[in-house]
Amino acid sequence: MTSGKKQIGVILSGAGFLDGSEIHEAVLALLAIDEAGAEARVFAPDGKLAEVDHKTGKPTGKERGVLEEAARIARSNIADLASVGGADVDGWVLPGGYGAAKTLSDFASKGAGATVHKEVGRVLREALAAQVPVGACCIAPAVVAAAARQANAKLRLTIGNDPDTAKQIAAMGHAHVVCPVDDVVVDTDRKVVTAPAYMYDAPIAAVARGIKKMVQQVVAWA
């Protein structure tokens, strides 16, 4: 059952910026969705991630469940991404964190040659085909870029001003636009909006302004 509000799907990749979703970005996105008068529906793929100690920044050699870790952010109100279609909600939002580049895709290791997790790619391609709006921030635009490339769709997007990452996105056939941390880049034709977020070493208030703009655009399109 739904509330009658616009439904915005949020795709998480765990909990913690070094091996999952960036928690600040995820919470800011959830807050912005609620403030925009919409309702968040949180999803994550069911699988394993390689755990990183967030105090030392080093791998522990252990594994954690992606869905179980993401449930911490979602306060248990979460579903397996395999259970939803890309057009089953009114819009999608992907927070960043290394989980986007290591679990939702293999962009961290393969760059422009990246592939996307099966369920993530399916959902994003279905959304793009149905003109369901998609918002992504931090490194997550690279996931959208890789999924769009598989659908032969070319996007206009941003990950901020990091030249190496921008080069990889351009190598996928997309147009990268340099953007300040508190702003967004809008691809009106494809209904994709992206924000840099913590691709910059920026205060949380600046990150929040960019994420709020991103979410507001997704909800406006929805």
N, C-alpha and C. Protein backbone atom coordinates (compact mmCIF):
# COMPACT_ATOMS: atom_id res chain seq x y z
N MET A 1 0.84 -1.19 0.00
CA MET A 1 0.00 0.00 0.00
C MET A 1 0.88 1.24 0.00
N THR A 2 0.46 2.27 -0.71
CA THR A 2 1.21 3.51 -0.75
C THR A 2 0.37 4.65 -0.21
N SER A 3 1.00 5.79 0.03
CA SER A 3 0.36 6.92 0.69
C SER A 3 -0.37 7.85 -0.26
N GLY A 4 -0.23 7.66 -1.55
CA GLY A 4 -0.77 8.60 -2.53
C GLY A 4 0.23 9.66 -2.91
N LYS A 5 1.35 9.73 -2.18
CA LYS A 5 2.42 10.66 -2.53
C LYS A 5 3.25 10.08 -3.67
N LYS A 6 4.03 10.94 -4.33
CA LYS A 6 4.99 10.45 -5.32
C LYS A 6 5.96 9.50 -4.64
N GLN A 7 6.25 8.40 -5.29
CA GLN A 7 7.14 7.36 -4.75
C GLN A 7 8.52 7.48 -5.39
N ILE A 8 9.53 7.70 -4.55
CA ILE A 8 10.90 7.84 -5.03
C ILE A 8 11.73 6.66 -4.52
N GLY A 9 12.21 5.83 -5.42
CA GLY A 9 13.06 4.72 -5.05
C GLY A 9 14.48 5.19 -4.76
N VAL A 10 15.05 4.70 -3.68
CA VAL A 10 16.42 5.04 -3.29
C VAL A 10 17.23 3.75 -3.28
N ILE A 11 18.30 3.72 -4.06
CA ILE A 11 19.13 2.52 -4.16
C ILE A 11 20.38 2.69 -3.32
N LEU A 12 20.52 1.84 -2.30
CA LEU A 12 21.68 1.87 -1.41
C LEU A 12 22.60 0.69 -1.69
N SER A 13 23.84 0.82 -1.22
CA SER A 13 24.84 -0.22 -1.48
C SER A 13 25.51 -0.71 -0.20
N GLY A 14 24.88 -0.47 0.93
CA GLY A 14 25.48 -0.82 2.21
C GLY A 14 25.38 0.37 3.14
N ALA A 15 26.28 0.45 4.12
CA ALA A 15 26.26 1.56 5.07
C ALA A 15 27.69 1.94 5.44
N GLY A 16 28.18 3.03 4.88
CA GLY A 16 29.54 3.48 5.14
C GLY A 16 30.26 3.82 3.86
N PHE A 17 30.87 5.00 3.79
CA PHE A 17 31.36 5.49 2.51
C PHE A 17 32.51 4.70 1.92
N LEU A 18 33.24 3.93 2.73
CA LEU A 18 34.39 3.20 2.21
C LEU A 18 34.02 1.85 1.59
N ASP A 19 32.86 1.31 1.93
CA ASP A 19 32.48 0.01 1.35
C ASP A 19 31.00 -0.07 0.98
N GLY A 20 30.24 1.00 1.23
CA GLY A 20 28.81 0.99 0.94
C GLY A 20 28.33 2.36 0.56
N SER A 21 27.11 2.70 0.98
CA SER A 21 26.55 4.01 0.71
C SER A 21 27.14 5.05 1.66
N GLU A 22 27.38 6.25 1.14
CA GLU A 22 27.81 7.37 1.97
C GLU A 22 26.62 7.74 2.85
N ILE A 23 26.76 7.60 4.15
CA ILE A 23 25.62 7.72 5.04
C ILE A 23 25.06 9.14 5.06
N HIS A 24 25.92 10.16 5.09
CA HIS A 24 25.42 11.53 5.05
C HIS A 24 24.57 11.75 3.80
N GLU A 25 25.09 11.33 2.66
CA GLU A 25 24.37 11.54 1.39
C GLU A 25 23.03 10.79 1.40
N ALA A 26 23.03 9.58 1.90
CA ALA A 26 21.79 8.79 1.93
C ALA A 26 20.74 9.46 2.82
N VAL A 27 21.16 9.89 4.01
CA VAL A 27 20.22 10.51 4.94
C VAL A 27 19.74 11.85 4.40
N LEU A 28 20.64 12.64 3.83
CA LEU A 28 20.24 13.92 3.24
C LEU A 28 19.24 13.72 2.10
N ALA A 29 19.45 12.68 1.31
CA ALA A 29 18.51 12.40 0.21
C ALA A 29 17.14 11.99 0.76
N LEU A 30 17.14 11.13 1.78
CA LEU A 30 15.88 10.71 2.38
C LEU A 30 15.14 11.91 2.99
N LEU A 31 15.87 12.78 3.65
CA LEU A 31 15.27 13.99 4.23
C LEU A 31 14.70 14.88 3.14
N ALA A 32 15.47 15.08 2.07
CA ALA A 32 15.02 15.95 0.98
C ALA A 32 13.78 15.39 0.29
N ILE A 33 13.70 14.08 0.16
CA ILE A 33 12.51 13.46 -0.44
C ILE A 33 11.29 13.75 0.41
N ASP A 34 11.43 13.59 1.72
CA ASP A 34 10.31 13.85 2.62
C ASP A 34 9.93 15.33 2.59
N GLU A 35 10.91 16.21 2.62
CA GLU A 35 10.64 17.64 2.61
C GLU A 35 9.98 18.09 1.29
N ALA A 36 10.24 17.34 0.23
CA ALA A 36 9.64 17.67 -1.07
C ALA A 36 8.21 17.13 -1.20
N GLY A 37 7.72 16.47 -0.15
CA GLY A 37 6.35 15.97 -0.17
C GLY A 37 6.20 14.61 -0.82
N ALA A 38 7.31 13.93 -1.04
CA ALA A 38 7.27 12.60 -1.65
C ALA A 38 7.57 11.54 -0.59
N GLU A 39 7.52 10.30 -1.00
CA GLU A 39 7.78 9.18 -0.09
C GLU A 39 8.91 8.33 -0.64
N ALA A 40 9.89 8.05 0.21
CA ALA A 40 11.03 7.23 -0.20
C ALA A 40 10.71 5.75 -0.04
N ARG A 41 11.11 4.98 -1.02
CA ARG A 41 11.07 3.51 -0.94
C ARG A 41 12.50 3.04 -1.15
N VAL A 42 13.07 2.42 -0.13
CA VAL A 42 14.49 2.10 -0.15
C VAL A 42 14.72 0.66 -0.60
N PHE A 43 15.70 0.51 -1.48
CA PHE A 43 16.06 -0.80 -2.04
C PHE A 43 17.58 -0.98 -2.02
N ALA A 44 18.00 -2.22 -2.04
CA ALA A 44 19.41 -2.55 -2.21
C ALA A 44 19.50 -3.94 -2.83
N PRO A 45 20.54 -4.19 -3.59
CA PRO A 45 20.73 -5.55 -4.11
C PRO A 45 21.12 -6.50 -2.98
N ASP A 46 20.75 -7.74 -3.12
CA ASP A 46 21.09 -8.75 -2.13
C ASP A 46 22.39 -9.42 -2.54
N GLY A 47 23.42 -9.22 -1.76
CA GLY A 47 24.73 -9.79 -2.08
C GLY A 47 25.72 -9.46 -0.98
N LYS A 48 26.99 -9.63 -1.25
CA LYS A 48 28.03 -9.41 -0.26
C LYS A 48 28.92 -8.23 -0.67
N LEU A 49 29.47 -7.57 0.35
CA LEU A 49 30.46 -6.53 0.11
C LEU A 49 31.70 -6.83 0.95
N ALA A 50 32.85 -6.36 0.49
CA ALA A 50 34.10 -6.54 1.21
C ALA A 50 34.22 -5.43 2.26
N GLU A 51 34.23 -5.83 3.51
CA GLU A 51 34.20 -4.87 4.62
C GLU A 51 35.50 -4.07 4.73
N VAL A 52 35.33 -2.78 5.00
CA VAL A 52 36.46 -1.89 5.26
C VAL A 52 36.28 -1.30 6.65
N ASP A 53 37.36 -1.29 7.44
CA ASP A 53 37.34 -0.67 8.76
C ASP A 53 37.30 0.84 8.56
N HIS A 54 36.23 1.49 9.00
CA HIS A 54 36.09 2.92 8.75
C HIS A 54 36.92 3.78 9.68
N LYS A 55 37.58 3.18 10.64
CA LYS A 55 38.51 3.91 11.49
C LYS A 55 39.90 3.94 10.88
N THR A 56 40.32 2.80 10.34
CA THR A 56 41.67 2.71 9.76
C THR A 56 41.68 2.91 8.25
N GLY A 57 40.53 2.69 7.60
CA GLY A 57 40.45 2.77 6.15
C GLY A 57 40.97 1.53 5.45
N LYS A 58 41.24 0.48 6.21
CA LYS A 58 41.83 -0.73 5.63
C LYS A 58 40.80 -1.86 5.55
N PRO A 59 40.93 -2.71 4.51
CA PRO A 59 40.04 -3.88 4.41
C PRO A 59 40.24 -4.81 5.61
N THR A 60 39.16 -5.42 6.06
CA THR A 60 39.25 -6.34 7.20
C THR A 60 39.39 -7.79 6.76
N GLY A 61 39.10 -8.06 5.48
CA GLY A 61 39.10 -9.43 5.02
C GLY A 61 37.77 -10.13 5.26
N LYS A 62 36.82 -9.41 5.87
CA LYS A 62 35.50 -9.97 6.14
C LYS A 62 34.49 -9.50 5.10
N GLU A 63 33.34 -10.14 5.10
CA GLU A 63 32.25 -9.73 4.21
C GLU A 63 31.03 -9.34 5.02
N ARG A 64 30.23 -8.47 4.45
CA ARG A 64 28.95 -8.10 5.04
C ARG A 64 27.87 -8.19 3.98
N GLY A 65 26.62 -8.30 4.40
CA GLY A 65 25.51 -8.35 3.47
C GLY A 65 25.11 -6.95 3.05
N VAL A 66 25.02 -6.71 1.75
CA VAL A 66 24.67 -5.38 1.24
C VAL A 66 23.29 -4.97 1.72
N LEU A 67 22.32 -5.83 1.55
CA LEU A 67 20.93 -5.53 1.93
C LEU A 67 20.81 -5.33 3.44
N GLU A 68 21.49 -6.17 4.20
CA GLU A 68 21.42 -6.06 5.65
C GLU A 68 22.07 -4.77 6.15
N GLU A 69 23.19 -4.39 5.56
CA GLU A 69 23.85 -3.15 5.96
C GLU A 69 23.02 -1.93 5.57
N ALA A 70 22.45 -1.96 4.37
CA ALA A 70 21.63 -0.84 3.91
C ALA A 70 20.38 -0.69 4.78
N ALA A 71 19.90 -1.79 5.34
CA ALA A 71 18.73 -1.75 6.21
C ALA A 71 18.98 -0.90 7.45
N ARG A 72 20.24 -0.74 7.84
CA ARG A 72 20.56 0.11 8.98
C ARG A 72 20.17 1.56 8.68
N ILE A 73 20.46 2.02 7.46
CA ILE A 73 20.11 3.38 7.07
C ILE A 73 18.60 3.51 6.88
N ALA A 74 18.00 2.49 6.32
CA ALA A 74 16.57 2.52 6.01
C ALA A 74 15.69 2.25 7.24
N ARG A 75 16.31 2.04 8.39
CA ARG A 75 15.56 1.71 9.62
C ARG A 75 14.66 0.49 9.38
N SER A 76 15.24 -0.48 8.66
CA SER A 76 14.63 -1.78 8.36
C SER A 76 13.55 -1.73 7.28
N ASN A 77 13.17 -0.54 6.85
CA ASN A 77 12.11 -0.43 5.83
C ASN A 77 12.76 -0.47 4.45
N ILE A 78 13.11 -1.67 4.01
CA ILE A 78 13.89 -1.85 2.79
C ILE A 78 13.45 -3.13 2.08
N ALA A 79 13.69 -3.18 0.78
CA ALA A 79 13.34 -4.37 -0.01
C ALA A 79 14.48 -4.70 -0.96
N ASP A 80 14.53 -5.94 -1.37
CA ASP A 80 15.50 -6.41 -2.36
C ASP A 80 15.21 -5.71 -3.69
N LEU A 81 16.23 -5.17 -4.30
CA LEU A 81 16.07 -4.46 -5.57
C LEU A 81 15.47 -5.36 -6.65
N ALA A 82 15.68 -6.68 -6.52
CA ALA A 82 15.15 -7.62 -7.50
C ALA A 82 13.63 -7.64 -7.50
N SER A 83 13.02 -7.08 -6.47
CA SER A 83 11.56 -7.15 -6.34
C SER A 83 10.84 -5.99 -7.02
N VAL A 84 11.55 -5.05 -7.63
CA VAL A 84 10.92 -3.85 -8.18
C VAL A 84 11.35 -3.62 -9.62
N GLY A 85 10.48 -3.00 -10.39
CA GLY A 85 10.80 -2.62 -11.76
C GLY A 85 11.18 -1.15 -11.83
N GLY A 86 11.89 -0.78 -12.85
CA GLY A 86 12.35 0.59 -12.99
C GLY A 86 11.23 1.60 -13.14
N ALA A 87 10.06 1.16 -13.61
CA ALA A 87 8.92 2.05 -13.78
C ALA A 87 7.86 1.85 -12.69
N ASP A 88 8.21 1.12 -11.63
CA ASP A 88 7.26 0.87 -10.54
C ASP A 88 7.19 2.03 -9.56
N VAL A 89 8.14 2.96 -9.65
CA VAL A 89 8.12 4.15 -8.81
C VAL A 89 8.13 5.38 -9.72
N ASP A 90 8.01 6.55 -9.12
CA ASP A 90 7.92 7.79 -9.89
C ASP A 90 9.28 8.43 -10.15
N GLY A 91 10.30 7.95 -9.47
CA GLY A 91 11.65 8.49 -9.66
C GLY A 91 12.64 7.65 -8.88
N TRP A 92 13.92 7.84 -9.19
CA TRP A 92 14.99 7.09 -8.52
C TRP A 92 16.07 8.04 -8.04
N VAL A 93 16.68 7.71 -6.90
CA VAL A 93 17.81 8.47 -6.38
C VAL A 93 18.90 7.49 -5.95
N LEU A 94 20.14 7.77 -6.36
CA LEU A 94 21.28 6.94 -5.98
C LEU A 94 22.30 7.79 -5.22
N PRO A 95 22.41 7.62 -3.91
CA PRO A 95 23.51 8.26 -3.17
C PRO A 95 24.84 7.64 -3.58
N GLY A 96 25.93 8.31 -3.22
CA GLY A 96 27.25 7.80 -3.57
C GLY A 96 27.85 6.94 -2.48
N GLY A 97 29.18 7.02 -2.36
CA GLY A 97 29.93 6.11 -1.51
C GLY A 97 30.61 5.08 -2.39
N TYR A 98 31.72 4.52 -1.90
CA TYR A 98 32.47 3.56 -2.72
C TYR A 98 31.66 2.32 -3.06
N GLY A 99 30.61 2.04 -2.30
CA GLY A 99 29.76 0.91 -2.64
C GLY A 99 29.15 1.05 -4.02
N ALA A 100 28.90 2.30 -4.44
CA ALA A 100 28.36 2.51 -5.79
C ALA A 100 29.35 2.07 -6.85
N ALA A 101 30.64 2.31 -6.57
CA ALA A 101 31.69 2.00 -7.54
C ALA A 101 32.26 0.60 -7.38
N LYS A 102 31.92 -0.09 -6.27
CA LYS A 102 32.46 -1.42 -6.03
C LYS A 102 31.40 -2.51 -5.96
N THR A 103 30.17 -2.14 -5.62
CA THR A 103 29.09 -3.13 -5.47
C THR A 103 27.99 -2.91 -6.50
N LEU A 104 27.51 -1.68 -6.63
CA LEU A 104 26.49 -1.41 -7.64
C LEU A 104 27.07 -1.49 -9.04
N SER A 105 28.39 -1.33 -9.12
CA SER A 105 29.12 -1.46 -10.39
C SER A 105 30.54 -1.86 -10.06
N ASP A 106 31.36 -2.04 -11.10
CA ASP A 106 32.80 -2.26 -10.88
C ASP A 106 33.61 -1.08 -11.43
N PHE A 107 33.01 0.11 -11.37
CA PHE A 107 33.67 1.31 -11.87
C PHE A 107 35.00 1.57 -11.17
N ALA A 108 35.10 1.23 -9.89
CA ALA A 108 36.33 1.48 -9.14
C ALA A 108 37.52 0.77 -9.76
N SER A 109 37.30 -0.40 -10.32
CA SER A 109 38.40 -1.18 -10.89
C SER A 109 38.48 -1.11 -12.41
N LYS A 110 37.36 -0.83 -13.07
CA LYS A 110 37.34 -0.90 -14.53
C LYS A 110 37.10 0.42 -15.24
N GLY A 111 36.78 1.48 -14.50
CA GLY A 111 36.62 2.79 -15.11
C GLY A 111 35.61 2.78 -16.24
N ALA A 112 36.04 3.29 -17.39
CA ALA A 112 35.14 3.42 -18.55
C ALA A 112 34.62 2.08 -19.04
N GLY A 113 35.30 0.99 -18.69
CA GLY A 113 34.84 -0.34 -19.09
C GLY A 113 33.92 -1.00 -18.08
N ALA A 114 33.42 -0.22 -17.14
CA ALA A 114 32.63 -0.75 -16.03
C ALA A 114 31.35 -1.42 -16.49
N THR A 115 30.97 -2.44 -15.76
CA THR A 115 29.65 -3.06 -15.90
C THR A 115 28.87 -2.78 -14.61
N VAL A 116 27.57 -2.96 -14.68
CA VAL A 116 26.70 -2.63 -13.55
C VAL A 116 26.08 -3.91 -13.00
N HIS A 117 25.91 -3.95 -11.68
CA HIS A 117 25.23 -5.07 -11.04
C HIS A 117 23.95 -5.38 -11.82
N LYS A 118 23.67 -6.65 -11.99
CA LYS A 118 22.56 -7.09 -12.84
C LYS A 118 21.25 -6.37 -12.51
N GLU A 119 20.85 -6.35 -11.25
CA GLU A 119 19.57 -5.76 -10.87
C GLU A 119 19.60 -4.23 -10.97
N VAL A 120 20.72 -3.64 -10.61
CA VAL A 120 20.86 -2.18 -10.71
C VAL A 120 20.76 -1.74 -12.17
N GLY A 121 21.47 -2.45 -13.04
CA GLY A 121 21.44 -2.12 -14.46
C GLY A 121 20.05 -2.28 -15.05
N ARG A 122 19.37 -3.36 -14.66
CA ARG A 122 18.01 -3.59 -15.15
C ARG A 122 17.09 -2.45 -14.75
N VAL A 123 17.11 -2.10 -13.47
CA VAL A 123 16.22 -1.05 -12.97
C VAL A 123 16.51 0.28 -13.65
N LEU A 124 17.79 0.62 -13.79
CA LEU A 124 18.14 1.92 -14.40
C LEU A 124 17.78 1.94 -15.89
N ARG A 125 18.01 0.86 -16.59
CA ARG A 125 17.65 0.83 -18.02
C ARG A 125 16.14 0.91 -18.20
N GLU A 126 15.39 0.23 -17.34
CA GLU A 126 13.93 0.32 -17.41
C GLU A 126 13.46 1.73 -17.11
N ALA A 127 14.09 2.38 -16.14
CA ALA A 127 13.71 3.75 -15.80
C ALA A 127 14.01 4.70 -16.94
N LEU A 128 15.19 4.59 -17.52
CA LEU A 128 15.56 5.47 -18.64
C LEU A 128 14.62 5.26 -19.82
N ALA A 129 14.28 4.01 -20.10
CA ALA A 129 13.40 3.73 -21.23
C ALA A 129 12.00 4.28 -21.02
N ALA A 130 11.56 4.33 -19.76
CA ALA A 130 10.21 4.80 -19.44
C ALA A 130 10.19 6.28 -19.09
N GLN A 131 11.34 6.95 -19.21
CA GLN A 131 11.45 8.37 -18.84
C GLN A 131 11.09 8.61 -17.37
N VAL A 132 11.39 7.64 -16.53
CA VAL A 132 11.28 7.82 -15.09
C VAL A 132 12.54 8.56 -14.64
N PRO A 133 12.41 9.69 -13.95
CA PRO A 133 13.58 10.50 -13.62
C PRO A 133 14.55 9.80 -12.67
N VAL A 134 15.83 10.10 -12.86
CA VAL A 134 16.89 9.51 -12.05
C VAL A 134 17.80 10.62 -11.53
N GLY A 135 18.07 10.59 -10.24
CA GLY A 135 19.04 11.49 -9.63
C GLY A 135 20.17 10.68 -9.03
N ALA A 136 21.39 11.17 -9.15
CA ALA A 136 22.54 10.47 -8.59
C ALA A 136 23.57 11.49 -8.13
N CYS A 137 24.28 11.17 -7.06
CA CYS A 137 25.29 12.10 -6.56
C CYS A 137 26.59 11.40 -6.23
N CYS A 138 27.62 12.22 -6.03
CA CYS A 138 28.96 11.73 -5.72
C CYS A 138 29.46 10.86 -6.88
N ILE A 139 29.87 9.62 -6.61
CA ILE A 139 30.37 8.74 -7.66
C ILE A 139 29.24 7.96 -8.33
N ALA A 140 28.03 8.00 -7.77
CA ALA A 140 26.91 7.23 -8.34
C ALA A 140 26.55 7.61 -9.77
N PRO A 141 26.79 8.87 -10.23
CA PRO A 141 26.53 9.14 -11.65
C PRO A 141 27.31 8.21 -12.59
N ALA A 142 28.45 7.69 -12.13
CA ALA A 142 29.21 6.75 -12.95
C ALA A 142 28.43 5.45 -13.15
N VAL A 143 27.65 5.07 -12.14
CA VAL A 143 26.81 3.87 -12.26
C VAL A 143 25.73 4.10 -13.31
N VAL A 144 25.08 5.27 -13.22
CA VAL A 144 24.04 5.62 -14.20
C VAL A 144 24.64 5.69 -15.60
N ALA A 145 25.85 6.26 -15.69
CA ALA A 145 26.52 6.37 -16.99
C ALA A 145 26.80 5.01 -17.59
N ALA A 146 27.26 4.06 -16.77
CA ALA A 146 27.55 2.72 -17.26
C ALA A 146 26.28 2.00 -17.70
N ALA A 147 25.20 2.16 -16.93
CA ALA A 147 23.93 1.54 -17.31
C ALA A 147 23.39 2.15 -18.59
N ALA A 148 23.51 3.47 -18.72
CA ALA A 148 23.01 4.15 -19.91
C ALA A 148 23.80 3.74 -21.15
N ARG A 149 25.09 3.54 -20.98
CA ARG A 149 25.91 3.10 -22.12
C ARG A 149 25.42 1.75 -22.63
N GLN A 150 25.03 0.86 -21.72
CA GLN A 150 24.52 -0.45 -22.12
C GLN A 150 23.22 -0.31 -22.90
N ALA A 151 22.50 0.81 -22.68
CA ALA A 151 21.25 1.07 -23.39
C ALA A 151 21.45 2.01 -24.57
N ASN A 152 22.72 2.28 -24.90
CA ASN A 152 23.06 3.19 -26.00
C ASN A 152 22.46 4.58 -25.81
N ALA A 153 22.37 5.01 -24.55
CA ALA A 153 21.87 6.35 -24.24
C ALA A 153 23.03 7.22 -23.81
N LYS A 154 23.10 8.43 -24.32
CA LYS A 154 24.16 9.36 -23.97
C LYS A 154 23.60 10.43 -23.04
N LEU A 155 24.32 10.69 -21.95
CA LEU A 155 23.84 11.58 -20.91
C LEU A 155 24.74 12.81 -20.75
N ARG A 156 24.17 13.81 -20.11
CA ARG A 156 24.90 15.00 -19.67
C ARG A 156 24.86 14.96 -18.14
N LEU A 157 26.04 14.85 -17.52
CA LEU A 157 26.06 14.67 -16.07
C LEU A 157 27.34 15.20 -15.45
N THR A 158 27.43 15.09 -14.11
CA THR A 158 28.60 15.59 -13.40
C THR A 158 28.98 14.67 -12.25
N ILE A 159 30.27 14.66 -11.94
CA ILE A 159 30.77 14.12 -10.68
C ILE A 159 31.58 15.21 -9.98
N GLY A 160 31.38 16.46 -10.40
CA GLY A 160 32.11 17.57 -9.79
C GLY A 160 33.20 18.09 -10.69
N ASN A 161 34.45 18.01 -10.20
CA ASN A 161 35.57 18.53 -11.00
C ASN A 161 36.78 17.61 -11.03
N ASP A 162 36.60 16.35 -10.63
CA ASP A 162 37.73 15.42 -10.64
C ASP A 162 38.05 15.02 -12.08
N PRO A 163 39.23 15.40 -12.58
CA PRO A 163 39.51 15.19 -14.01
C PRO A 163 39.61 13.73 -14.42
N ASP A 164 40.16 12.88 -13.56
CA ASP A 164 40.32 11.47 -13.93
C ASP A 164 38.97 10.77 -14.05
N THR A 165 38.08 11.01 -13.08
CA THR A 165 36.75 10.40 -13.14
C THR A 165 35.96 10.95 -14.31
N ALA A 166 36.06 12.27 -14.52
CA ALA A 166 35.36 12.89 -15.64
C ALA A 166 35.83 12.30 -16.97
N LYS A 167 37.12 12.02 -17.07
CA LYS A 167 37.67 11.43 -18.30
C LYS A 167 37.07 10.05 -18.55
N GLN A 168 36.92 9.26 -17.49
CA GLN A 168 36.34 7.92 -17.64
C GLN A 168 34.89 7.99 -18.09
N ILE A 169 34.15 8.95 -17.55
CA ILE A 169 32.75 9.11 -17.94
C ILE A 169 32.64 9.56 -19.39
N ALA A 170 33.51 10.48 -19.78
CA ALA A 170 33.53 10.92 -21.18
C ALA A 170 33.89 9.78 -22.11
N ALA A 171 34.76 8.88 -21.65
CA ALA A 171 35.16 7.74 -22.47
C ALA A 171 34.00 6.77 -22.68
N MET A 172 32.98 6.84 -21.83
CA MET A 172 31.77 6.03 -22.03
C MET A 172 30.85 6.63 -23.09
N GLY A 173 31.17 7.84 -23.52
CA GLY A 173 30.35 8.49 -24.54
C GLY A 173 29.42 9.56 -24.02
N HIS A 174 29.59 9.91 -22.73
CA HIS A 174 28.72 10.91 -22.12
C HIS A 174 29.41 12.28 -22.07
N ALA A 175 28.62 13.32 -21.84
CA ALA A 175 29.15 14.67 -21.69
C ALA A 175 29.27 14.98 -20.21
N HIS A 176 30.51 15.19 -19.74
CA HIS A 176 30.70 15.56 -18.34
C HIS A 176 30.78 17.08 -18.22
N VAL A 177 30.08 17.62 -17.21
CA VAL A 177 30.04 19.05 -16.97
C VAL A 177 30.60 19.33 -15.58
N VAL A 178 31.61 20.18 -15.49
CA VAL A 178 32.15 20.58 -14.19
C VAL A 178 31.08 21.35 -13.43
N CYS A 179 30.95 21.04 -12.14
CA CYS A 179 29.86 21.61 -11.35
C CYS A 179 30.33 21.82 -9.92
N PRO A 180 29.97 22.96 -9.28
CA PRO A 180 30.30 23.16 -7.87
C PRO A 180 29.51 22.23 -6.96
N VAL A 181 29.98 22.06 -5.75
CA VAL A 181 29.41 21.07 -4.83
C VAL A 181 27.95 21.33 -4.51
N ASP A 182 27.53 22.58 -4.49
CA ASP A 182 26.16 22.88 -4.07
C ASP A 182 25.19 23.09 -5.24
N ASP A 183 25.56 22.58 -6.40
CA ASP A 183 24.69 22.74 -7.57
C ASP A 183 24.49 21.39 -8.24
N VAL A 184 23.75 21.38 -9.35
CA VAL A 184 23.44 20.15 -10.07
C VAL A 184 23.61 20.37 -11.57
N VAL A 185 23.70 19.27 -12.29
CA VAL A 185 23.67 19.28 -13.75
C VAL A 185 22.42 18.51 -14.18
N VAL A 186 21.63 19.14 -15.04
CA VAL A 186 20.34 18.58 -15.45
C VAL A 186 20.39 18.16 -16.91
N ASP A 187 20.05 16.91 -17.17
CA ASP A 187 19.87 16.42 -18.53
C ASP A 187 18.35 16.32 -18.75
N THR A 188 17.79 17.36 -19.33
CA THR A 188 16.34 17.45 -19.49
C THR A 188 15.81 16.37 -20.43
N ASP A 189 16.56 16.06 -21.48
CA ASP A 189 16.09 15.08 -22.46
C ASP A 189 15.91 13.69 -21.84
N ARG A 190 16.86 13.30 -20.99
CA ARG A 190 16.82 11.95 -20.39
C ARG A 190 16.23 11.94 -18.99
N LYS A 191 15.92 13.12 -18.44
CA LYS A 191 15.42 13.25 -17.08
C LYS A 191 16.40 12.64 -16.08
N VAL A 192 17.65 13.07 -16.20
CA VAL A 192 18.71 12.66 -15.27
C VAL A 192 19.30 13.91 -14.65
N VAL A 193 19.42 13.93 -13.34
CA VAL A 193 20.02 15.07 -12.63
C VAL A 193 21.09 14.54 -11.69
N THR A 194 22.25 15.20 -11.70
CA THR A 194 23.39 14.71 -10.92
C THR A 194 24.00 15.84 -10.09
N ALA A 195 24.57 15.47 -8.93
CA ALA A 195 25.17 16.43 -8.02
C ALA A 195 26.52 15.88 -7.53
N PRO A 196 27.52 16.73 -7.30
CA PRO A 196 28.85 16.25 -6.91
C PRO A 196 28.95 15.68 -5.50
N ALA A 197 28.22 16.29 -4.54
CA ALA A 197 28.26 15.85 -3.14
C ALA A 197 29.70 15.67 -2.65
N TYR A 198 30.00 14.52 -2.03
CA TYR A 198 31.31 14.34 -1.42
C TYR A 198 32.42 13.94 -2.40
N MET A 199 32.21 14.15 -3.68
CA MET A 199 33.35 14.13 -4.59
C MET A 199 34.24 15.33 -4.28
N TYR A 200 33.66 16.32 -3.60
CA TYR A 200 34.43 17.44 -3.06
C TYR A 200 34.66 17.20 -1.57
N ASP A 201 35.78 17.69 -1.06
CA ASP A 201 36.02 17.72 0.38
C ASP A 201 35.33 18.97 0.90
N ALA A 202 34.02 18.86 1.13
CA ALA A 202 33.19 20.04 1.39
C ALA A 202 32.41 19.88 2.69
N PRO A 203 31.99 21.00 3.28
CA PRO A 203 31.14 20.93 4.48
C PRO A 203 29.80 20.26 4.17
N ILE A 204 29.23 19.62 5.17
CA ILE A 204 27.97 18.90 4.96
C ILE A 204 26.85 19.83 4.50
N ALA A 205 26.88 21.10 4.93
CA ALA A 205 25.83 22.03 4.52
C ALA A 205 25.86 22.27 3.02
N ALA A 206 27.05 22.36 2.44
CA ALA A 206 27.17 22.56 0.99
C ALA A 206 26.73 21.31 0.25
N VAL A 207 27.11 20.15 0.75
CA VAL A 207 26.67 18.88 0.16
C VAL A 207 25.15 18.79 0.20
N ALA A 208 24.57 19.20 1.32
CA ALA A 208 23.12 19.14 1.49
C ALA A 208 22.39 20.01 0.47
N ARG A 209 22.94 21.17 0.16
CA ARG A 209 22.28 22.06 -0.80
C ARG A 209 22.22 21.42 -2.18
N GLY A 210 23.31 20.78 -2.59
CA GLY A 210 23.32 20.13 -3.89
C GLY A 210 22.37 18.94 -3.94
N ILE A 211 22.37 18.14 -2.90
CA ILE A 211 21.48 16.97 -2.86
C ILE A 211 20.02 17.41 -2.85
N LYS A 212 19.72 18.47 -2.11
CA LYS A 212 18.33 18.96 -2.08
C LYS A 212 17.87 19.40 -3.46
N LYS A 213 18.75 20.10 -4.19
CA LYS A 213 18.40 20.51 -5.56
C LYS A 213 18.17 19.30 -6.45
N MET A 214 19.03 18.29 -6.29
CA MET A 214 18.90 17.06 -7.09
C MET A 214 17.56 16.39 -6.83
N VAL A 215 17.22 16.22 -5.56
CA VAL A 215 15.97 15.56 -5.20
C VAL A 215 14.77 16.38 -5.64
N GLN A 216 14.84 17.68 -5.46
CA GLN A 216 13.72 18.53 -5.88
C GLN A 216 13.45 18.39 -7.37
N GLN A 217 14.53 18.26 -8.16
CA GLN A 217 14.34 18.10 -9.60
C GLN A 217 13.71 16.75 -9.93
N VAL A 218 14.16 15.69 -9.26
CA VAL A 218 13.56 14.38 -9.48
C VAL A 218 12.07 14.41 -9.15
N VAL A 219 11.74 14.98 -8.01
CA VAL A 219 10.33 15.02 -7.58
C VAL A 219 9.50 15.90 -8.53
N ALA A 220 10.07 16.99 -9.00
CA ALA A 220 9.36 17.87 -9.94
C ALA A 220 9.04 17.14 -11.24
N TRP A 221 9.97 16.32 -11.70
CA TRP A 221 9.75 15.54 -12.92
C TRP A 221 8.77 14.40 -12.71
N ALA A 222 8.75 13.87 -11.49
CA ALA A 222 8.04 12.62 -11.22
C ALA A 222 6.55 12.74 -11.51
